PDB file of N, CA and C in Angstrom:
ATOM      1  N   UNK A   1     -10.587  82.825 -55.710  1.00  0.00           N
ATOM      2  CA  UNK A   1     -10.418  83.223 -54.317  1.00  0.00           C
ATOM      3  C   UNK A   1     -11.472  84.057 -53.797  1.00  0.00           C
ATOM      4  N   UNK A   2     -11.863  85.046 -54.608  1.00  0.00           N
ATOM      5  CA  UNK A   2     -12.878  86.078 -54.166  1.00  0.00           C
ATOM      6  C   UNK A   2     -14.181  85.409 -53.923  1.00  0.00           C
ATOM      7  N   UNK A   3     -14.540  84.319 -54.610  1.00  0.00           N
ATOM      8  CA  UNK A   3     -15.825  83.655 -54.524  1.00  0.00           C
ATOM      9  C   UNK A   3     -15.853  82.940 -53.134  1.00  0.00           C
ATOM     10  N   UNK A   4     -14.714  82.367 -52.792  1.00  0.00           N
ATOM     11  CA  UNK A   4     -14.532  81.745 -51.514  1.00  0.00           C
ATOM     12  C   UNK A   4     -14.711  82.672 -50.321  1.00  0.00           C
ATOM     13  N   UNK A   5     -14.151  83.835 -50.459  1.00  0.00           N
ATOM     14  CA  UNK A   5     -14.303  84.943 -49.431  1.00  0.00           C
ATOM     15  C   UNK A   5     -15.769  85.372 -49.290  1.00  0.00           C
ATOM     16  N   UNK A   6     -16.402  85.540 -50.481  1.00  0.00           N
ATOM     17  CA  UNK A   6     -17.866  85.980 -50.505  1.00  0.00           C
ATOM     18  C   UNK A   6     -18.699  84.826 -49.751  1.00  0.00           C
ATOM     19  N   UNK A   7     -18.416  83.657 -50.168  1.00  0.00           N
ATOM     20  CA  UNK A   7     -19.147  82.490 -49.608  1.00  0.00           C
ATOM     21  C   UNK A   7     -19.040  82.454 -48.085  1.00  0.00           C
ATOM     22  N   UNK A   8     -17.736  82.528 -47.695  1.00  0.00           N
ATOM     23  CA  UNK A   8     -17.469  82.463 -46.246  1.00  0.00           C
ATOM     24  C   UNK A   8     -18.162  83.621 -45.515  1.00  0.00           C
ATOM     25  N   UNK A   9     -18.196  84.789 -46.032  1.00  0.00           N
ATOM     26  CA  UNK A   9     -18.789  85.943 -45.525  1.00  0.00           C
ATOM     27  C   UNK A   9     -20.291  85.747 -45.379  1.00  0.00           C
ATOM     28  N   UNK A  10     -20.918  85.330 -46.465  1.00  0.00           N
ATOM     29  CA  UNK A  10     -22.324  85.016 -46.404  1.00  0.00           C
ATOM     30  C   UNK A  10     -22.712  83.981 -45.440  1.00  0.00           C
ATOM     31  N   UNK A  11     -21.845  82.810 -45.414  1.00  0.00           N
ATOM     32  CA  UNK A  11     -22.069  81.757 -44.524  1.00  0.00           C
ATOM     33  C   UNK A  11     -22.094  82.285 -43.064  1.00  0.00           C
ATOM     34  N   UNK A  12     -21.072  83.032 -42.692  1.00  0.00           N
ATOM     35  CA  UNK A  12     -20.916  83.496 -41.399  1.00  0.00           C
ATOM     36  C   UNK A  12     -22.045  84.444 -40.988  1.00  0.00           C
ATOM     37  N   UNK A  13     -22.501  85.319 -41.975  1.00  0.00           N
ATOM     38  CA  UNK A  13     -23.624  86.129 -41.696  1.00  0.00           C
ATOM     39  C   UNK A  13     -24.824  85.470 -41.418  1.00  0.00           C
ATOM     40  N   UNK A  14     -25.083  84.281 -42.237  1.00  0.00           N
ATOM     41  CA  UNK A  14     -26.257  83.492 -41.859  1.00  0.00           C
ATOM     42  C   UNK A  14     -26.150  82.731 -40.572  1.00  0.00           C
ATOM     43  N   UNK A  15     -24.902  82.352 -40.213  1.00  0.00           N
ATOM     44  CA  UNK A  15     -24.671  81.720 -38.996  1.00  0.00           C
ATOM     45  C   UNK A  15     -24.942  82.524 -37.829  1.00  0.00           C
ATOM     46  N   UNK A  16     -24.545  83.764 -37.879  1.00  0.00           N
ATOM     47  CA  UNK A  16     -24.711  84.688 -36.762  1.00  0.00           C
ATOM     48  C   UNK A  16     -26.039  85.318 -36.742  1.00  0.00           C
ATOM     49  N   UNK A  17     -26.922  85.068 -37.697  1.00  0.00           N
ATOM     50  CA  UNK A  17     -28.233  85.579 -37.680  1.00  0.00           C
ATOM     51  C   UNK A  17     -29.072  84.662 -36.854  1.00  0.00           C
ATOM     52  N   UNK A  18     -30.317  84.721 -37.061  1.00  0.00           N
ATOM     53  CA  UNK A  18     -31.244  83.910 -36.290  1.00  0.00           C
ATOM     54  C   UNK A  18     -30.917  82.370 -36.248  1.00  0.00           C
ATOM     55  N   UNK A  19     -31.047  81.799 -35.165  1.00  0.00           N
ATOM     56  CA  UNK A  19     -30.827  80.289 -35.045  1.00  0.00           C
ATOM     57  C   UNK A  19     -32.011  79.540 -35.561  1.00  0.00           C
ATOM     58  N   UNK A  20     -33.116  80.101 -35.450  1.00  0.00           N
ATOM     59  CA  UNK A  20     -34.395  79.421 -35.989  1.00  0.00           C
ATOM     60  C   UNK A  20     -35.144  80.273 -36.972  1.00  0.00           C
ATOM     61  N   UNK A  21     -35.727  79.608 -37.907  1.00  0.00           N
ATOM     62  CA  UNK A  21     -36.422  80.434 -39.032  1.00  0.00           C
ATOM     63  C   UNK A  21     -37.775  80.687 -38.494  1.00  0.00           C
ATOM     64  N   UNK A  22     -38.289  81.907 -38.669  1.00  0.00           N
ATOM     65  CA  UNK A  22     -39.604  82.342 -38.242  1.00  0.00           C
ATOM     66  C   UNK A  22     -39.720  82.810 -36.866  1.00  0.00           C
ATOM     67  N   UNK A  23     -39.131  82.137 -35.886  1.00  0.00           N
ATOM     68  CA  UNK A  23     -39.360  82.509 -34.471  1.00  0.00           C
ATOM     69  C   UNK A  23     -38.064  83.434 -34.081  1.00  0.00           C
ATOM     70  N   UNK A  24     -38.285  84.445 -33.234  1.00  0.00           N
ATOM     71  CA  UNK A  24     -37.155  85.243 -32.816  1.00  0.00           C
ATOM     72  C   UNK A  24     -36.165  84.349 -32.004  1.00  0.00           C
ATOM     73  N   UNK A  25     -34.964  84.709 -32.141  1.00  0.00           N
ATOM     74  CA  UNK A  25     -33.920  84.052 -31.273  1.00  0.00           C
ATOM     75  C   UNK A  25     -33.917  84.578 -29.906  1.00  0.00           C
ATOM     76  N   UNK A  26     -33.597  83.706 -29.062  1.00  0.00           N
ATOM     77  CA  UNK A  26     -33.475  84.058 -27.600  1.00  0.00           C
ATOM     78  C   UNK A  26     -31.974  84.142 -27.137  1.00  0.00           C
ATOM     79  N   UNK A  27     -31.160  84.742 -27.970  1.00  0.00           N
ATOM     80  CA  UNK A  27     -29.749  84.841 -27.673  1.00  0.00           C
ATOM     81  C   UNK A  27     -29.440  86.343 -27.090  1.00  0.00           C
ATOM     82  N   UNK A  28     -28.935  86.302 -25.986  1.00  0.00           N
ATOM     83  CA  UNK A  28     -28.663  87.568 -25.350  1.00  0.00           C
ATOM     84  C   UNK A  28     -27.454  88.271 -25.875  1.00  0.00           C
ATOM     85  N   UNK A  29     -27.368  89.512 -25.777  1.00  0.00           N
ATOM     86  CA  UNK A  29     -26.193  90.264 -26.360  1.00  0.00           C
ATOM     87  C   UNK A  29     -24.899  89.761 -25.624  1.00  0.00           C
ATOM     88  N   UNK A  30     -24.933  89.438 -24.400  1.00  0.00           N
ATOM     89  CA  UNK A  30     -23.680  89.132 -23.721  1.00  0.00           C
ATOM     90  C   UNK A  30     -23.214  87.834 -24.240  1.00  0.00           C
ATOM     91  N   UNK A  31     -24.058  87.026 -24.929  1.00  0.00           N
ATOM     92  CA  UNK A  31     -23.555  85.794 -25.574  1.00  0.00           C
ATOM     93  C   UNK A  31     -23.194  86.126 -27.050  1.00  0.00           C
ATOM     94  N   UNK A  32     -24.077  86.776 -27.736  1.00  0.00           N
ATOM     95  CA  UNK A  32     -23.851  87.013 -29.207  1.00  0.00           C
ATOM     96  C   UNK A  32     -22.660  87.928 -29.528  1.00  0.00           C
ATOM     97  N   UNK A  33     -22.433  88.926 -28.706  1.00  0.00           N
ATOM     98  CA  UNK A  33     -21.337  89.882 -28.945  1.00  0.00           C
ATOM     99  C   UNK A  33     -20.019  89.224 -28.956  1.00  0.00           C
ATOM    100  N   UNK A  34     -19.637  88.340 -27.920  1.00  0.00           N
ATOM    101  CA  UNK A  34     -18.256  87.793 -27.955  1.00  0.00           C
ATOM    102  C   UNK A  34     -18.218  86.699 -29.201  1.00  0.00           C
ATOM    103  N   UNK A  35     -19.336  86.089 -29.520  1.00  0.00           N
ATOM    104  CA  UNK A  35     -19.359  85.165 -30.651  1.00  0.00           C
ATOM    105  C   UNK A  35     -19.002  85.897 -31.956  1.00  0.00           C
ATOM    106  N   UNK A  36     -19.694  87.034 -32.172  1.00  0.00           N
ATOM    107  CA  UNK A  36     -19.493  87.913 -33.304  1.00  0.00           C
ATOM    108  C   UNK A  36     -17.964  88.338 -33.346  1.00  0.00           C
ATOM    109  N   UNK A  37     -17.503  88.694 -32.245  1.00  0.00           N
ATOM    110  CA  UNK A  37     -16.041  89.139 -32.175  1.00  0.00           C
ATOM    111  C   UNK A  37     -15.101  88.106 -32.412  1.00  0.00           C
ATOM    112  N   UNK A  38     -15.418  86.778 -32.059  1.00  0.00           N
ATOM    113  CA  UNK A  38     -14.543  85.634 -32.321  1.00  0.00           C
ATOM    114  C   UNK A  38     -14.554  85.316 -33.757  1.00  0.00           C
ATOM    115  N   UNK A  39     -15.739  85.528 -34.454  1.00  0.00           N
ATOM    116  CA  UNK A  39     -15.701  85.257 -35.922  1.00  0.00           C
ATOM    117  C   UNK A  39     -14.903  86.399 -36.598  1.00  0.00           C
ATOM    118  N   UNK A  40     -15.059  87.669 -36.225  1.00  0.00           N
ATOM    119  CA  UNK A  40     -14.364  88.765 -36.759  1.00  0.00           C
ATOM    120  C   UNK A  40     -12.747  88.589 -36.628  1.00  0.00           C
ATOM    121  N   UNK A  41     -12.372  88.173 -35.437  1.00  0.00           N
ATOM    122  CA  UNK A  41     -10.864  87.872 -35.106  1.00  0.00           C
ATOM    123  C   UNK A  41     -10.432  86.753 -35.989  1.00  0.00           C
ATOM    124  N   UNK A  42     -11.306  85.732 -36.264  1.00  0.00           N
ATOM    125  CA  UNK A  42     -10.843  84.624 -37.086  1.00  0.00           C
ATOM    126  C   UNK A  42     -10.402  84.978 -38.487  1.00  0.00           C
ATOM    127  N   UNK A  43     -11.112  86.047 -38.966  1.00  0.00           N
ATOM    128  CA  UNK A  43     -10.735  86.606 -40.342  1.00  0.00           C
ATOM    129  C   UNK A  43      -9.437  87.354 -40.264  1.00  0.00           C
ATOM    130  N   UNK A  44      -9.189  88.157 -39.208  1.00  0.00           N
ATOM    131  CA  UNK A  44      -8.072  89.001 -39.086  1.00  0.00           C
ATOM    132  C   UNK A  44      -6.758  88.135 -38.603  1.00  0.00           C
ATOM    133  N   UNK A  45      -6.967  87.385 -37.620  1.00  0.00           N
ATOM    134  CA  UNK A  45      -5.860  86.645 -36.965  1.00  0.00           C
ATOM    135  C   UNK A  45      -6.337  85.209 -36.646  1.00  0.00           C
ATOM    136  N   UNK A  46      -6.086  84.300 -37.710  1.00  0.00           N
ATOM    137  CA  UNK A  46      -6.703  82.965 -37.629  1.00  0.00           C
ATOM    138  C   UNK A  46      -6.180  82.171 -36.514  1.00  0.00           C
ATOM    139  N   UNK A  47      -4.989  82.345 -35.949  1.00  0.00           N
ATOM    140  CA  UNK A  47      -4.410  81.482 -34.860  1.00  0.00           C
ATOM    141  C   UNK A  47      -4.262  82.356 -33.689  1.00  0.00           C
ATOM    142  N   UNK A  48      -5.207  83.116 -33.298  1.00  0.00           N
ATOM    143  CA  UNK A  48      -5.046  84.029 -32.163  1.00  0.00           C
ATOM    144  C   UNK A  48      -5.792  83.442 -30.874  1.00  0.00           C
ATOM    145  N   UNK A  49      -5.188  83.491 -29.823  1.00  0.00           N
ATOM    146  CA  UNK A  49      -5.780  82.959 -28.532  1.00  0.00           C
ATOM    147  C   UNK A  49      -6.929  83.836 -28.087  1.00  0.00           C
ATOM    148  N   UNK A  50      -7.087  84.986 -28.607  1.00  0.00           N
ATOM    149  CA  UNK A  50      -8.224  85.924 -28.242  1.00  0.00           C
ATOM    150  C   UNK A  50      -9.560  85.132 -28.738  1.00  0.00           C
ATOM    151  N   UNK A  51      -9.465  84.354 -29.833  1.00  0.00           N
ATOM    152  CA  UNK A  51     -10.705  83.715 -30.304  1.00  0.00           C
ATOM    153  C   UNK A  51     -11.083  82.768 -29.267  1.00  0.00           C
ATOM    154  N   UNK A  52     -10.362  81.941 -28.746  1.00  0.00           N
ATOM    155  CA  UNK A  52     -10.818  81.022 -27.815  1.00  0.00           C
ATOM    156  C   UNK A  52     -11.253  81.784 -26.418  1.00  0.00           C
ATOM    157  N   UNK A  53     -10.634  82.776 -26.152  1.00  0.00           N
ATOM    158  CA  UNK A  53     -11.066  83.683 -25.047  1.00  0.00           C
ATOM    159  C   UNK A  53     -12.479  84.158 -25.295  1.00  0.00           C
ATOM    160  N   UNK A  54     -12.765  84.647 -26.456  1.00  0.00           N
ATOM    161  CA  UNK A  54     -14.139  85.109 -26.772  1.00  0.00           C
ATOM    162  C   UNK A  54     -15.259  83.945 -26.656  1.00  0.00           C
ATOM    163  N   UNK A  55     -14.834  82.776 -27.136  1.00  0.00           N
ATOM    164  CA  UNK A  55     -15.697  81.684 -27.046  1.00  0.00           C
ATOM    165  C   UNK A  55     -15.932  81.284 -25.601  1.00  0.00           C
ATOM    166  N   UNK A  56     -14.859  81.320 -24.800  1.00  0.00           N
ATOM    167  CA  UNK A  56     -15.046  81.087 -23.392  1.00  0.00           C
ATOM    168  C   UNK A  56     -15.871  82.134 -22.647  1.00  0.00           C
ATOM    169  N   UNK A  57     -15.744  83.352 -23.017  1.00  0.00           N
ATOM    170  CA  UNK A  57     -16.489  84.423 -22.503  1.00  0.00           C
ATOM    171  C   UNK A  57     -18.054  84.167 -22.776  1.00  0.00           C
ATOM    172  N   UNK A  58     -18.355  83.810 -23.988  1.00  0.00           N
ATOM    173  CA  UNK A  58     -19.683  83.559 -24.317  1.00  0.00           C
ATOM    174  C   UNK A  58     -20.331  82.312 -23.582  1.00  0.00           C
ATOM    175  N   UNK A  59     -19.479  81.288 -23.451  1.00  0.00           N
ATOM    176  CA  UNK A  59     -19.959  80.076 -22.791  1.00  0.00           C
ATOM    177  C   UNK A  59     -20.008  80.301 -21.238  1.00  0.00           C
ATOM    178  N   UNK A  60     -19.412  81.280 -20.723  1.00  0.00           N
ATOM    179  CA  UNK A  60     -19.343  81.416 -19.260  1.00  0.00           C
ATOM    180  C   UNK A  60     -20.565  82.350 -18.780  1.00  0.00           C
ATOM    181  N   UNK A  61     -21.342  82.722 -19.705  1.00  0.00           N
ATOM    182  CA  UNK A  61     -22.531  83.521 -19.200  1.00  0.00           C
ATOM    183  C   UNK A  61     -23.444  82.608 -18.534  1.00  0.00           C
ATOM    184  N   UNK A  62     -23.922  83.036 -17.346  1.00  0.00           N
ATOM    185  CA  UNK A  62     -24.750  82.094 -16.493  1.00  0.00           C
ATOM    186  C   UNK A  62     -26.153  81.943 -17.195  1.00  0.00           C
ATOM    187  N   UNK A  63     -26.712  80.706 -16.878  1.00  0.00           N
ATOM    188  CA  UNK A  63     -28.082  80.357 -17.262  1.00  0.00           C
ATOM    189  C   UNK A  63     -28.230  80.385 -18.798  1.00  0.00           C
ATOM    190  N   UNK A  64     -27.366  79.740 -19.586  1.00  0.00           N
ATOM    191  CA  UNK A  64     -27.529  79.703 -21.081  1.00  0.00           C
ATOM    192  C   UNK A  64     -28.800  78.941 -21.442  1.00  0.00           C
ATOM    193  N   UNK A  65     -29.554  79.517 -22.346  1.00  0.00           N
ATOM    194  CA  UNK A  65     -30.653  78.712 -22.854  1.00  0.00           C
ATOM    195  C   UNK A  65     -30.407  77.905 -24.003  1.00  0.00           C
ATOM    196  N   UNK A  66     -31.296  77.083 -24.608  1.00  0.00           N
ATOM    197  CA  UNK A  66     -30.990  76.246 -25.690  1.00  0.00           C
ATOM    198  C   UNK A  66     -30.483  76.967 -26.935  1.00  0.00           C
ATOM    199  N   UNK A  67     -31.073  78.067 -27.236  1.00  0.00           N
ATOM    200  CA  UNK A  67     -30.697  78.811 -28.481  1.00  0.00           C
ATOM    201  C   UNK A  67     -29.220  79.262 -28.266  1.00  0.00           C
ATOM    202  N   UNK A  68     -28.898  79.816 -27.054  1.00  0.00           N
ATOM    203  CA  UNK A  68     -27.533  80.279 -26.826  1.00  0.00           C
ATOM    204  C   UNK A  68     -26.483  79.118 -26.935  1.00  0.00           C
ATOM    205  N   UNK A  69     -26.831  78.013 -26.393  1.00  0.00           N
ATOM    206  CA  UNK A  69     -25.923  76.785 -26.419  1.00  0.00           C
ATOM    207  C   UNK A  69     -25.739  76.461 -27.779  1.00  0.00           C
ATOM    208  N   UNK A  70     -26.871  76.323 -28.717  1.00  0.00           N
ATOM    209  CA  UNK A  70     -26.819  75.981 -30.136  1.00  0.00           C
ATOM    210  C   UNK A  70     -25.945  77.002 -30.802  1.00  0.00           C
ATOM    211  N   UNK A  71     -26.116  78.207 -30.547  1.00  0.00           N
ATOM    212  CA  UNK A  71     -25.356  79.248 -31.209  1.00  0.00           C
ATOM    213  C   UNK A  71     -23.865  79.122 -30.952  1.00  0.00           C
ATOM    214  N   UNK A  72     -23.474  78.824 -29.673  1.00  0.00           N
ATOM    215  CA  UNK A  72     -22.055  78.681 -29.351  1.00  0.00           C
ATOM    216  C   UNK A  72     -21.511  77.417 -30.089  1.00  0.00           C
ATOM    217  N   UNK A  73     -22.315  76.432 -30.108  1.00  0.00           N
ATOM    218  CA  UNK A  73     -21.814  75.169 -30.815  1.00  0.00           C
ATOM    219  C   UNK A  73     -21.597  75.438 -32.313  1.00  0.00           C
ATOM    220  N   UNK A  74     -22.542  76.118 -32.851  1.00  0.00           N
ATOM    221  CA  UNK A  74     -22.449  76.372 -34.371  1.00  0.00           C
ATOM    222  C   UNK A  74     -21.254  77.283 -34.654  1.00  0.00           C
ATOM    223  N   UNK A  75     -21.035  78.311 -33.904  1.00  0.00           N
ATOM    224  CA  UNK A  75     -19.918  79.176 -34.098  1.00  0.00           C
ATOM    225  C   UNK A  75     -18.580  78.457 -33.954  1.00  0.00           C
ATOM    226  N   UNK A  76     -18.472  77.518 -32.892  1.00  0.00           N
ATOM    227  CA  UNK A  76     -17.303  76.716 -32.731  1.00  0.00           C
ATOM    228  C   UNK A  76     -17.072  75.830 -33.925  1.00  0.00           C
ATOM    229  N   UNK A  77     -18.091  75.235 -34.378  1.00  0.00           N
ATOM    230  CA  UNK A  77     -17.923  74.325 -35.605  1.00  0.00           C
ATOM    231  C   UNK A  77     -17.572  75.095 -36.794  1.00  0.00           C
ATOM    232  N   UNK A  78     -18.109  76.353 -37.023  1.00  0.00           N
ATOM    233  CA  UNK A  78     -17.663  77.120 -38.155  1.00  0.00           C
ATOM    234  C   UNK A  78     -16.237  77.534 -37.996  1.00  0.00           C
ATOM    235  N   UNK A  79     -15.800  77.900 -36.833  1.00  0.00           N
ATOM    236  CA  UNK A  79     -14.444  78.369 -36.642  1.00  0.00           C
ATOM    237  C   UNK A  79     -13.416  77.241 -36.932  1.00  0.00           C
ATOM    238  N   UNK A  80     -13.878  76.050 -36.419  1.00  0.00           N
ATOM    239  CA  UNK A  80     -12.953  74.911 -36.613  1.00  0.00           C
ATOM    240  C   UNK A  80     -12.925  74.562 -38.165  1.00  0.00           C
ATOM    241  N   UNK A  81     -14.063  74.547 -38.875  1.00  0.00           N
ATOM    242  CA  UNK A  81     -13.979  74.232 -40.196  1.00  0.00           C
ATOM    243  C   UNK A  81     -13.326  75.380 -41.050  1.00  0.00           C
ATOM    244  N   UNK A  82     -13.357  76.561 -40.626  1.00  0.00           N
ATOM    245  CA  UNK A  82     -12.804  77.662 -41.314  1.00  0.00           C
ATOM    246  C   UNK A  82     -11.213  77.479 -41.193  1.00  0.00           C
ATOM    247  N   UNK A  83     -10.809  77.060 -40.004  1.00  0.00           N
ATOM    248  CA  UNK A  83      -9.340  76.864 -39.759  1.00  0.00           C
ATOM    249  C   UNK A  83      -8.801  75.737 -40.575  1.00  0.00           C
ATOM    250  N   UNK A  84      -9.580  74.620 -40.690  1.00  0.00           N
ATOM    251  CA  UNK A  84      -9.170  73.493 -41.410  1.00  0.00           C
ATOM    252  C   UNK A  84      -9.186  73.687 -42.951  1.00  0.00           C
ATOM    253  N   UNK A  85     -10.041  74.484 -43.457  1.00  0.00           N
ATOM    254  CA  UNK A  85     -10.247  74.654 -44.804  1.00  0.00           C
ATOM    255  C   UNK A  85      -9.326  75.687 -45.454  1.00  0.00           C
ATOM    256  N   UNK A  86      -8.471  76.302 -44.721  1.00  0.00           N
ATOM    257  CA  UNK A  86      -7.579  77.345 -45.283  1.00  0.00           C
ATOM    258  C   UNK A  86      -6.591  76.648 -46.266  1.00  0.00           C
ATOM    259  N   UNK A  87      -6.199  77.347 -47.328  1.00  0.00           N
ATOM    260  CA  UNK A  87      -5.174  76.759 -48.184  1.00  0.00           C
ATOM    261  C   UNK A  87      -3.838  76.617 -47.383  1.00  0.00           C
ATOM    262  N   UNK A  88      -3.262  75.461 -47.558  1.00  0.00           N
ATOM    263  CA  UNK A  88      -2.176  75.265 -46.740  1.00  0.00           C
ATOM    264  C   UNK A  88      -2.327  74.773 -45.388  1.00  0.00           C
ATOM    265  N   UNK A  89      -3.582  74.808 -44.939  1.00  0.00           N
ATOM    266  CA  UNK A  89      -3.916  74.350 -43.638  1.00  0.00           C
ATOM    267  C   UNK A  89      -3.961  72.853 -43.514  1.00  0.00           C
ATOM    268  N   UNK A  90      -4.400  72.383 -42.494  1.00  0.00           N
ATOM    269  CA  UNK A  90      -4.451  71.000 -42.097  1.00  0.00           C
ATOM    270  C   UNK A  90      -5.188  70.161 -43.254  1.00  0.00           C
ATOM    271  N   UNK A  91      -6.313  70.608 -43.662  1.00  0.00           N
ATOM    272  CA  UNK A  91      -7.120  69.977 -44.719  1.00  0.00           C
ATOM    273  C   UNK A  91      -7.271  70.842 -45.934  1.00  0.00           C
ATOM    274  N   UNK A  92      -6.382  71.855 -46.039  1.00  0.00           N
ATOM    275  CA  UNK A  92      -6.404  72.770 -47.167  1.00  0.00           C
ATOM    276  C   UNK A  92      -6.276  72.068 -48.562  1.00  0.00           C
ATOM    277  N   UNK A  93      -6.853  72.762 -49.552  1.00  0.00           N
ATOM    278  CA  UNK A  93      -6.763  72.165 -50.849  1.00  0.00           C
ATOM    279  C   UNK A  93      -5.644  72.777 -51.768  1.00  0.00           C
ATOM    280  N   UNK A  94      -4.648  73.217 -51.196  1.00  0.00           N
ATOM    281  CA  UNK A  94      -3.499  73.822 -51.889  1.00  0.00           C
ATOM    282  C   UNK A  94      -2.657  72.781 -52.471  1.00  0.00           C
ATOM    283  N   UNK A  95      -2.790  72.440 -53.763  1.00  0.00           N
ATOM    284  CA  UNK A  95      -2.066  71.347 -54.308  1.00  0.00           C
ATOM    285  C   UNK A  95      -0.596  71.624 -54.498  1.00  0.00           C
ATOM    286  N   UNK A  96      -0.140  72.770 -54.338  1.00  0.00           N
ATOM    287  CA  UNK A  96       1.299  73.047 -54.319  1.00  0.00           C
ATOM    288  C   UNK A  96       1.981  72.468 -53.068  1.00  0.00           C
ATOM    289  N   UNK A  97       1.281  72.173 -52.084  1.00  0.00           N
ATOM    290  CA  UNK A  97       1.781  71.621 -50.856  1.00  0.00           C
ATOM    291  C   UNK A  97       2.089  70.059 -51.012  1.00  0.00           C
ATOM    292  N   UNK A  98       1.541  69.457 -51.923  1.00  0.00           N
ATOM    293  CA  UNK A  98       1.573  67.975 -52.148  1.00  0.00           C
ATOM    294  C   UNK A  98       2.936  67.604 -52.746  1.00  0.00           C
ATOM    295  N   UNK A  99       3.926  67.056 -52.067  1.00  0.00           N
ATOM    296  CA  UNK A  99       5.178  66.768 -52.548  1.00  0.00           C
ATOM    297  C   UNK A  99       5.162  65.451 -53.498  1.00  0.00           C
ATOM    298  N   UNK A 100       5.806  65.595 -54.595  1.00  0.00           N
ATOM    299  CA  UNK A 100       5.969  64.392 -55.424  1.00  0.00           C
ATOM    300  C   UNK A 100       4.852  64.072 -56.334  1.00  0.00           C
ATOM    301  N   UNK A 101       3.849  64.919 -56.411  1.00  0.00           N
ATOM    302  CA  UNK A 101       2.651  64.641 -57.232  1.00  0.00           C
ATOM    303  C   UNK A 101       2.682  65.554 -58.437  1.00  0.00           C
ATOM    304  N   UNK A 102       2.416  65.022 -59.584  1.00  0.00           N
ATOM    305  CA  UNK A 102       2.410  65.786 -60.870  1.00  0.00           C
ATOM    306  C   UNK A 102       0.994  66.058 -61.261  1.00  0.00           C
ATOM    307  N   UNK A 103       0.017  65.339 -60.913  1.00  0.00           N
ATOM    308  CA  UNK A 103      -1.398  65.386 -61.313  1.00  0.00           C
ATOM    309  C   UNK A 103      -1.440  65.416 -62.864  1.00  0.00           C
ATOM    310  N   UNK A 104      -0.799  64.491 -63.478  1.00  0.00           N
ATOM    311  CA  UNK A 104      -1.020  64.284 -64.866  1.00  0.00           C
ATOM    312  C   UNK A 104      -0.145  65.311 -65.753  1.00  0.00           C
ATOM    313  N   UNK A 105       0.647  66.152 -65.161  1.00  0.00           N
ATOM    314  CA  UNK A 105       1.416  67.137 -65.904  1.00  0.00           C
ATOM    315  C   UNK A 105       2.826  66.451 -66.223  1.00  0.00           C
ATOM    316  N   UNK A 106       3.194  66.439 -67.454  1.00  0.00           N
ATOM    317  CA  UNK A 106       4.461  65.783 -67.723  1.00  0.00           C
ATOM    318  C   UNK A 106       5.612  66.847 -67.779  1.00  0.00           C
TER     319      UNK A 106
END
């Protein structure tokens, strides 16, 4: 379980860092701040409506450039995958939730 948490933390840190390698990112703070807050909220409160409010806040900044649009798409994809991959979630790998399966155990 701790390996999964470390991986998710590293993945989200990489995701929220620069969009492009080598070149500086052109993501303004009024876009990046709500995205970082949405990721933080997803760890604390996975089914909170404030997460979508933060995503909407980032997307509603006028004159989004390509880097900002890409960053918003990547964070949305990450949050969706994070929600689906939780144990007991929609696509979680918690085998205790599978009814009637013994998985070779007699």
